[in-house]
N, C-alpha and C. Protein backbone atom coordinates (compact mmCIF):
# COMPACT_ATOMS: atom_id res chain seq x y z
N UNK A 1 -26.31 49.52 61.11
CA UNK A 1 -26.01 50.42 60.07
C UNK A 1 -24.47 50.70 59.96
N UNK A 2 -23.91 50.81 61.18
CA UNK A 2 -22.48 51.36 61.15
C UNK A 2 -21.61 50.24 60.53
N UNK A 3 -21.77 49.03 60.87
CA UNK A 3 -20.95 47.95 60.27
C UNK A 3 -21.22 47.82 58.86
N UNK A 4 -22.46 48.12 58.46
CA UNK A 4 -22.80 47.94 57.05
C UNK A 4 -21.94 48.96 56.28
N UNK A 5 -21.88 50.08 56.81
CA UNK A 5 -21.17 51.41 56.16
C UNK A 5 -19.68 50.92 56.06
N UNK A 6 -19.12 50.42 57.04
CA UNK A 6 -17.70 50.09 57.19
C UNK A 6 -17.44 48.98 56.08
N UNK A 7 -18.37 48.03 56.19
CA UNK A 7 -17.95 46.68 55.48
C UNK A 7 -18.40 46.96 53.92
N UNK A 8 -19.19 47.99 53.64
CA UNK A 8 -19.61 48.26 52.26
C UNK A 8 -20.82 47.15 51.95
N UNK A 9 -21.24 46.39 52.88
CA UNK A 9 -22.41 45.50 52.57
C UNK A 9 -23.25 45.34 53.86
N UNK A 10 -24.18 44.54 53.83
CA UNK A 10 -25.12 44.33 54.99
C UNK A 10 -24.26 43.25 55.92
N UNK A 11 -24.26 43.61 57.11
CA UNK A 11 -23.53 42.83 58.06
C UNK A 11 -24.65 42.30 59.11
N UNK A 12 -24.71 41.02 59.32
CA UNK A 12 -25.65 40.51 60.44
C UNK A 12 -24.72 40.03 61.55
N UNK A 13 -25.13 40.27 62.77
CA UNK A 13 -24.26 39.87 63.98
C UNK A 13 -25.19 39.02 64.82
N UNK A 14 -24.53 37.83 65.17
CA UNK A 14 -24.98 36.87 66.13
C UNK A 14 -24.44 37.18 67.39
N UNK A 15 -25.18 37.93 68.25
CA UNK A 15 -24.66 38.48 69.34
C UNK A 15 -24.91 37.47 70.64
N UNK A 16 -24.12 36.55 70.72
CA UNK A 16 -24.25 35.48 71.82
C UNK A 16 -24.11 36.11 73.22
N UNK A 17 -23.37 37.19 73.33
CA UNK A 17 -23.35 37.75 74.73
C UNK A 17 -24.60 38.35 75.27
N UNK A 18 -25.78 38.22 74.31
CA UNK A 18 -27.03 38.66 74.78
C UNK A 18 -27.86 37.46 75.27
N UNK A 19 -27.28 36.18 75.28
CA UNK A 19 -28.00 34.86 75.81
C UNK A 19 -28.06 35.35 77.29
N UNK A 20 -29.02 34.59 77.98
CA UNK A 20 -29.36 34.51 79.42
C UNK A 20 -28.09 34.76 80.30
N UNK A 21 -27.10 33.79 80.00
CA UNK A 21 -25.96 33.72 80.84
C UNK A 21 -24.61 34.47 80.26
N UNK A 22 -24.86 35.08 79.03
CA UNK A 22 -23.77 35.77 78.37
C UNK A 22 -22.91 34.90 77.55
N UNK A 23 -23.38 33.82 77.16
CA UNK A 23 -22.52 33.08 76.21
C UNK A 23 -23.42 31.99 75.50
N UNK A 24 -22.96 31.39 74.51
CA UNK A 24 -23.83 30.40 73.71
C UNK A 24 -23.98 29.13 74.48
N UNK A 25 -23.15 28.80 75.55
CA UNK A 25 -23.39 27.68 76.43
C UNK A 25 -24.82 27.56 76.98
N UNK A 26 -25.59 28.55 77.12
CA UNK A 26 -26.90 28.49 77.61
C UNK A 26 -27.80 27.75 76.70
N UNK A 27 -27.59 27.95 75.35
CA UNK A 27 -28.37 27.34 74.45
C UNK A 27 -28.37 25.71 74.53
N UNK A 28 -27.04 25.27 74.59
CA UNK A 28 -26.83 23.97 74.65
C UNK A 28 -27.39 23.20 75.92
N UNK A 29 -27.19 23.91 77.01
CA UNK A 29 -27.91 23.56 78.27
C UNK A 29 -29.39 23.35 78.25
N UNK A 30 -30.01 24.43 77.64
CA UNK A 30 -31.35 24.50 77.52
C UNK A 30 -31.91 23.40 76.63
N UNK A 31 -31.31 23.20 75.47
CA UNK A 31 -31.72 22.08 74.53
C UNK A 31 -31.45 20.72 75.18
N UNK A 32 -30.45 20.54 75.98
CA UNK A 32 -30.23 19.36 76.71
C UNK A 32 -31.35 18.92 77.73
N UNK A 33 -31.51 20.03 78.47
CA UNK A 33 -32.59 19.82 79.52
C UNK A 33 -33.99 19.64 79.03
N UNK A 34 -34.19 20.39 77.90
CA UNK A 34 -35.61 20.41 77.32
C UNK A 34 -35.93 18.98 76.75
N UNK A 35 -34.82 18.47 76.15
CA UNK A 35 -35.04 17.10 75.57
C UNK A 35 -35.05 15.99 76.46
N UNK A 36 -34.93 16.09 77.74
CA UNK A 36 -34.76 15.01 78.58
C UNK A 36 -36.23 14.36 78.79
N UNK A 37 -36.33 13.01 78.93
CA UNK A 37 -37.68 12.40 79.28
C UNK A 37 -38.12 12.84 80.72
N UNK A 38 -39.40 12.98 80.99
CA UNK A 38 -39.81 13.38 82.23
C UNK A 38 -39.26 12.76 83.45
N UNK A 39 -39.11 11.40 83.41
CA UNK A 39 -38.53 10.58 84.30
C UNK A 39 -37.10 11.03 84.65
N UNK A 40 -36.22 11.35 83.65
CA UNK A 40 -34.96 11.83 83.77
C UNK A 40 -34.83 13.24 84.35
N UNK A 41 -35.85 14.11 84.09
CA UNK A 41 -35.84 15.31 84.55
C UNK A 41 -36.07 15.29 86.09
N UNK A 42 -37.07 14.38 86.40
CA UNK A 42 -37.31 14.24 87.98
C UNK A 42 -36.07 14.03 88.69
N UNK A 43 -35.16 13.11 88.09
CA UNK A 43 -33.88 12.82 88.78
C UNK A 43 -33.00 13.88 88.80
N UNK A 44 -33.02 14.89 87.92
CA UNK A 44 -32.15 15.90 87.88
C UNK A 44 -30.95 15.92 86.96
N UNK A 45 -30.04 16.83 86.90
CA UNK A 45 -29.10 16.98 85.96
C UNK A 45 -27.73 17.20 86.81
N UNK A 46 -26.58 16.75 86.28
CA UNK A 46 -25.39 17.06 86.95
C UNK A 46 -24.40 17.60 85.82
N UNK A 47 -23.64 18.62 86.11
CA UNK A 47 -22.58 19.19 85.17
C UNK A 47 -21.32 19.60 85.76
N UNK A 48 -20.32 19.49 85.16
CA UNK A 48 -18.97 19.88 85.72
C UNK A 48 -18.33 20.83 84.62
N UNK A 49 -18.01 22.05 85.21
CA UNK A 49 -17.49 23.13 84.47
C UNK A 49 -16.90 24.06 85.35
N UNK A 50 -16.00 24.98 84.86
CA UNK A 50 -15.51 26.02 85.63
C UNK A 50 -15.99 27.46 85.19
N UNK A 51 -17.18 27.40 84.29
CA UNK A 51 -17.57 28.52 83.96
C UNK A 51 -18.88 28.60 83.18
N UNK A 52 -18.85 28.96 81.85
CA UNK A 52 -20.06 29.25 81.14
C UNK A 52 -21.04 28.04 81.01
N UNK A 53 -20.43 26.80 80.81
CA UNK A 53 -21.29 25.54 80.71
C UNK A 53 -21.97 25.37 81.94
N UNK A 54 -21.39 25.63 83.19
CA UNK A 54 -22.02 25.45 84.48
C UNK A 54 -23.26 26.43 84.54
N UNK A 55 -22.95 27.64 84.12
CA UNK A 55 -23.98 28.65 84.17
C UNK A 55 -25.09 28.35 83.31
N UNK A 56 -24.89 27.87 82.15
CA UNK A 56 -25.86 27.53 81.23
C UNK A 56 -26.65 26.47 81.62
N UNK A 57 -26.18 25.33 82.20
CA UNK A 57 -26.91 24.21 82.59
C UNK A 57 -27.68 24.51 83.87
N UNK A 58 -27.11 25.34 84.77
CA UNK A 58 -27.83 25.77 85.95
C UNK A 58 -29.05 26.58 85.69
N UNK A 59 -28.98 27.56 84.77
CA UNK A 59 -29.97 28.36 84.39
C UNK A 59 -31.07 27.55 83.64
N UNK A 60 -30.62 26.57 82.81
CA UNK A 60 -31.63 25.93 82.04
C UNK A 60 -32.36 24.93 82.90
N UNK A 61 -31.78 24.33 83.85
CA UNK A 61 -32.45 23.53 84.92
C UNK A 61 -33.41 24.32 85.67
N UNK A 62 -33.01 25.46 86.10
CA UNK A 62 -33.98 26.31 86.98
C UNK A 62 -35.19 26.69 86.02
N UNK A 63 -35.01 27.07 84.85
CA UNK A 63 -36.20 27.39 84.10
C UNK A 63 -37.02 26.36 83.78
N UNK A 64 -36.67 25.01 83.83
CA UNK A 64 -37.50 23.80 83.57
C UNK A 64 -37.86 23.28 84.92
N UNK A 65 -37.44 23.77 86.15
CA UNK A 65 -37.91 23.22 87.29
C UNK A 65 -37.21 21.87 87.64
N UNK A 66 -35.98 21.71 87.00
CA UNK A 66 -35.26 20.45 87.18
C UNK A 66 -34.10 20.53 88.14
N UNK A 67 -34.04 19.72 89.11
CA UNK A 67 -32.92 19.81 90.07
C UNK A 67 -31.57 19.82 89.46
N UNK A 68 -30.63 20.45 89.92
CA UNK A 68 -29.26 20.27 89.36
C UNK A 68 -28.23 20.28 90.40
N UNK A 69 -27.18 19.62 90.01
CA UNK A 69 -25.87 19.77 90.87
C UNK A 69 -24.86 20.21 89.77
N UNK A 70 -24.24 21.35 90.19
CA UNK A 70 -23.11 21.73 89.39
C UNK A 70 -21.89 21.67 90.10
N UNK A 71 -20.85 20.96 89.57
CA UNK A 71 -19.63 20.70 90.31
C UNK A 71 -18.47 21.56 89.54
N UNK A 72 -17.80 22.39 90.26
CA UNK A 72 -16.91 23.36 89.75
C UNK A 72 -15.57 23.08 90.51
N UNK A 73 -14.52 23.29 89.74
CA UNK A 73 -13.14 23.10 90.27
C UNK A 73 -12.79 24.13 91.38
N UNK A 74 -11.99 23.74 92.39
CA UNK A 74 -11.65 24.78 93.40
C UNK A 74 -11.04 26.10 92.96
N UNK A 75 -10.51 25.95 91.80
CA UNK A 75 -9.80 27.21 91.16
C UNK A 75 -10.80 27.95 90.19
N UNK A 76 -12.05 27.70 90.26
CA UNK A 76 -12.80 28.34 89.22
C UNK A 76 -12.97 29.88 89.73
N UNK A 77 -13.11 30.76 88.70
CA UNK A 77 -13.04 32.30 89.08
C UNK A 77 -14.24 32.44 90.08
N UNK A 78 -14.11 33.41 90.98
CA UNK A 78 -15.20 33.76 91.99
C UNK A 78 -16.46 34.27 91.09
N UNK A 79 -16.20 35.06 90.12
CA UNK A 79 -17.39 35.54 89.48
C UNK A 79 -18.19 34.43 88.86
N UNK A 80 -17.52 33.41 88.36
CA UNK A 80 -18.30 32.32 87.65
C UNK A 80 -19.04 31.59 88.80
N UNK A 81 -18.40 31.40 90.04
CA UNK A 81 -19.11 30.62 91.01
C UNK A 81 -20.35 31.39 91.45
N UNK A 82 -20.18 32.62 91.68
CA UNK A 82 -21.34 33.49 92.03
C UNK A 82 -22.37 33.55 91.11
N UNK A 83 -22.00 33.70 89.79
CA UNK A 83 -23.07 33.66 88.75
C UNK A 83 -23.78 32.43 88.57
N UNK A 84 -23.08 31.29 88.82
CA UNK A 84 -23.64 29.93 88.65
C UNK A 84 -24.64 29.80 89.88
N UNK A 85 -24.45 30.25 91.03
CA UNK A 85 -25.22 30.11 92.31
C UNK A 85 -26.57 31.14 91.97
N UNK A 86 -26.33 32.10 91.31
CA UNK A 86 -27.42 33.04 91.23
C UNK A 86 -28.64 32.59 90.37
């Protein structure tokens, strides 16, 4: 309602920060893992990222019971490393 008043019209907000990992990258990872054939799922997935993509793929794989290997650069932020492992 506040934004509606400020803008003088109805405002719709797409709050990507409310995704499982805090970014839109989770949706891409989830769709990719969900669309894999069963044989590929059994083999697992690999992703390279220093942040949100890594977290999204890791979470999506975990939700689908798919093995995953996430490769992150040595200078990836500690918070991103910790959240990807979680």
